[in-house]
Amino acid sequence: MSKLNLVFKSVFLLSTLLLISCSTGFNMQGYNPYFATDYSTRLPQSIDTHGKKTVLVDPNVHAWGAYGTDGHLIRAGIATAGGAVCPPDANGTDCRTSIGTFQITSMGNGTCRSSIYPKPMGGGLMPYCMHFNNGQALHGAPDPTLVEDNVSHGCVRMRIQDAEWMRYNFAQVGTKVVVRPYN
């Protein structure tokens, strides 16, 4: 087979795969049904933000929402909040994300790491961390660790690309974070 024929066949194969992936919704990087969900439908479309940008986290519906100063929802996504039992703590330590109203106190970049987890020395990835309550933060997490359950050590995990967007396009030190009560 000539090199030209090989190039044409390769281009045809790649074009076909691209066409299939676009028309069927198939994701060549792996399919996770959670990311096909429209999390904005799980949250109010507007809230009273008192004129401040606000991040709302609802551990009951496993969603976060970014609300503008006008109170309208701008963007939403999956949120894995803290669990009732700290994984893999066998003695039942509570790791639920603190409920209430907070402010972002510090922000990091894509190289953020935990100073606590995994125990005993820390080092867990927390890309684009935005701390709002002592060691608790909104941060990116690899897709396999994002589930519709509350299983984190207390932080709010979100998709890495969502955390990056929030860090660079929405949040700043002082941005309000509201964590709703667990049911």
Protein backbone atom coordinates (compact mmCIF):
# COMPACT_ATOMS: atom_id res chain seq x y z
CA MET A 1 0.00 0.00 0.00
CA SER A 2 1.39 3.38 -0.93
CA LYS A 3 2.01 6.07 1.66
CA LEU A 4 -0.64 8.24 0.02
CA ASN A 5 -3.26 5.46 0.33
CA LEU A 6 -2.29 4.93 3.96
CA VAL A 7 -2.72 8.65 4.68
CA PHE A 8 -6.14 8.71 2.99
CA LYS A 9 -7.31 5.63 4.92
CA SER A 10 -6.06 7.11 8.20
CA VAL A 11 -7.84 10.40 7.55
CA PHE A 12 -11.02 8.51 6.60
CA LEU A 13 -10.89 6.39 9.77
CA LEU A 14 -10.31 9.40 12.03
CA SER A 15 -13.09 11.36 10.30
CA THR A 16 -15.47 8.45 10.74
CA LEU A 17 -14.63 8.12 14.45
CA LEU A 18 -15.09 11.85 14.95
CA LEU A 19 -18.44 11.78 13.14
CA ILE A 20 -19.62 8.84 15.25
CA SER A 21 -18.51 10.47 18.48
CA CYS A 22 -20.25 13.76 17.62
CA SER A 23 -23.50 12.23 16.41
CA THR A 24 -23.93 9.64 19.17
CA GLY A 25 -22.57 11.52 22.15
CA PHE A 26 -19.94 8.83 22.62
CA ASN A 27 -16.95 10.15 24.52
CA MET A 28 -13.72 8.52 23.37
CA GLN A 29 -12.16 9.28 26.78
CA GLY A 30 -14.74 7.14 28.59
CA TYR A 31 -18.37 7.72 29.41
CA ASN A 32 -19.52 8.75 32.86
CA PRO A 33 -23.31 9.20 33.05
CA TYR A 34 -23.01 11.79 35.84
CA PHE A 35 -21.44 14.29 33.48
CA ALA A 36 -24.32 14.05 31.03
CA THR A 37 -26.62 15.32 33.80
CA ASP A 38 -27.73 18.94 33.78
CA TYR A 39 -27.01 19.84 37.40
CA SER A 40 -28.54 23.29 36.96
CA THR A 41 -32.00 21.65 37.09
CA ARG A 42 -31.27 20.51 40.66
CA LEU A 43 -30.69 24.02 41.96
CA PRO A 44 -32.78 27.19 42.14
CA GLN A 45 -32.42 29.31 39.01
CA SER A 46 -32.05 32.39 41.18
CA ILE A 47 -31.35 33.16 44.84
CA ASP A 48 -30.96 36.28 46.94
CA THR A 49 -27.19 36.89 46.85
CA HIS A 50 -27.43 40.36 48.45
CA GLY A 51 -25.54 41.68 45.42
CA LYS A 52 -22.52 39.36 45.87
CA LYS A 53 -21.26 36.55 43.70
CA THR A 54 -22.18 33.34 45.52
CA VAL A 55 -21.31 29.66 45.26
CA LEU A 56 -24.11 27.41 46.51
CA VAL A 57 -23.30 23.80 47.46
CA ASP A 58 -26.19 21.40 48.08
CA PRO A 59 -24.94 18.05 49.41
CA ASN A 60 -28.45 16.57 49.11
CA VAL A 61 -28.58 16.90 45.33
CA HIS A 62 -24.78 16.64 44.83
CA ALA A 63 -24.55 19.91 42.95
CA TRP A 64 -22.84 23.29 43.13
CA GLY A 65 -23.99 26.47 41.47
CA ALA A 66 -22.31 29.81 40.73
CA TYR A 67 -24.69 32.76 41.06
CA GLY A 68 -23.97 36.25 39.78
CA THR A 69 -24.46 39.47 41.71
CA ASP A 70 -27.99 39.61 40.27
CA GLY A 71 -28.78 36.23 41.88
CA HIS A 72 -29.12 34.28 38.63
CA LEU A 73 -27.48 30.89 38.18
CA ILE A 74 -24.52 31.14 35.80
CA ARG A 75 -23.06 27.64 35.90
CA ALA A 76 -23.57 24.38 37.82
CA GLY A 77 -22.00 20.96 38.15
CA ILE A 78 -21.53 17.82 40.19
CA ALA A 79 -20.37 18.23 43.79
CA THR A 80 -19.08 15.45 46.03
CA ALA A 81 -19.24 16.83 49.56
CA GLY A 82 -17.95 15.42 52.84
CA GLY A 83 -19.19 12.11 54.16
CA ALA A 84 -20.73 11.17 57.49
CA VAL A 85 -17.78 8.83 58.02
CA CYS A 86 -14.29 9.86 57.01
CA PRO A 87 -12.85 7.41 54.48
CA PRO A 88 -11.05 5.13 55.29
CA ASP A 89 -11.36 6.01 58.99
CA ALA A 90 -12.64 2.97 60.85
CA ASN A 91 -13.47 4.81 64.08
CA GLY A 92 -16.37 6.81 62.61
CA THR A 93 -14.92 10.32 62.40
CA ASP A 94 -17.46 12.72 60.83
CA CYS A 95 -16.16 14.41 57.67
CA ARG A 96 -19.25 16.29 56.53
CA THR A 97 -18.61 19.63 54.90
CA SER A 98 -19.45 22.40 57.36
CA ILE A 99 -22.86 23.92 56.70
CA GLY A 100 -23.43 27.65 56.70
CA THR A 101 -22.24 30.79 54.96
CA PHE A 102 -18.52 31.34 54.43
CA GLN A 103 -16.16 33.38 52.26
CA ILE A 104 -13.31 32.20 50.10
CA THR A 105 -10.16 33.06 52.04
CA SER A 106 -7.43 31.82 49.70
CA MET A 107 -7.08 30.39 46.21
CA GLY A 108 -4.49 28.24 44.51
CA ASN A 109 -3.63 27.03 41.05
CA GLY A 110 -3.56 23.64 39.34
CA THR A 111 -0.83 22.36 41.67
CA CYS A 112 -2.76 22.68 44.97
CA ARG A 113 -2.25 19.77 47.35
CA SER A 114 -3.75 18.80 50.68
CA SER A 115 -1.62 19.30 53.76
CA ILE A 116 -3.62 16.60 55.60
CA TYR A 117 -4.85 13.86 53.22
CA PRO A 118 -3.90 11.19 52.57
CA LYS A 119 -2.84 10.72 56.16
CA PRO A 120 -0.29 10.93 57.68
CA MET A 121 1.63 13.31 55.40
CA GLY A 122 -0.84 14.88 52.98
CA GLY A 123 -0.09 15.54 49.34
CA GLY A 124 -3.50 14.70 47.82
CA LEU A 125 -4.29 16.62 44.64
CA MET A 126 -6.67 19.58 45.03
CA PRO A 127 -6.31 21.46 41.72
CA TYR A 128 -7.61 25.04 41.69
CA CYS A 129 -8.38 24.97 45.41
CA MET A 130 -10.52 27.73 46.89
CA HIS A 131 -10.47 27.52 50.71
CA PHE A 132 -13.58 28.72 52.47
CA ASN A 133 -13.59 27.16 55.95
CA ASN A 134 -10.24 26.41 57.55
CA GLY A 135 -8.97 23.37 55.62
CA GLN A 136 -12.19 22.87 53.64
CA ALA A 137 -12.12 23.96 50.02
CA LEU A 138 -13.86 23.81 46.70
CA HIS A 139 -11.42 22.05 44.35
CA GLY A 140 -11.05 19.94 41.27
CA ALA A 141 -10.80 16.18 41.45
CA PRO A 142 -10.19 13.44 38.88
CA ASP A 143 -13.46 12.24 37.32
CA PRO A 144 -13.41 8.76 38.96
CA THR A 145 -13.56 10.41 42.42
CA LEU A 146 -16.68 12.41 41.57
CA VAL A 147 -19.81 10.54 42.54
CA GLU A 148 -23.34 11.44 43.51
CA ASP A 149 -22.61 10.75 47.13
CA ASN A 150 -21.01 12.54 50.05
CA VAL A 151 -17.73 10.71 50.51
CA SER A 152 -14.96 13.31 50.63
CA HIS A 153 -12.89 14.20 53.69
CA GLY A 154 -14.81 17.49 53.99
CA CYS A 155 -13.89 19.41 50.87
CA VAL A 156 -16.26 19.89 47.95
CA ARG A 157 -14.95 18.01 44.92
CA MET A 158 -15.88 19.22 41.47
CA ARG A 159 -14.71 18.50 37.94
CA ILE A 160 -11.23 19.87 37.33
CA GLN A 161 -12.39 22.02 34.41
CA ASP A 162 -15.23 23.44 36.56
CA ALA A 163 -12.82 24.27 39.39
CA GLU A 164 -10.46 25.94 36.91
CA TRP A 165 -13.33 27.97 35.46
CA MET A 166 -14.52 29.00 38.92
CA ARG A 167 -11.00 29.86 40.09
CA TYR A 168 -10.12 32.07 37.12
CA ASN A 169 -13.50 33.33 35.88
CA PHE A 170 -15.79 33.64 38.87
CA ALA A 171 -14.35 33.39 42.39
CA GLN A 172 -12.06 35.74 44.23
CA VAL A 173 -11.05 36.09 47.85
CA GLY A 174 -14.24 37.18 49.61
CA THR A 175 -16.68 35.34 47.29
CA LYS A 176 -19.54 33.96 49.38
CA VAL A 177 -19.90 30.17 49.72
CA VAL A 178 -23.16 28.75 51.07
CA VAL A 179 -23.30 25.07 52.05
CA ARG A 180 -26.85 23.88 52.59
CA PRO A 181 -27.68 21.54 55.48
CA TYR A 182 -27.60 17.78 54.91
CA ASN A 183 -30.97 15.99 55.06
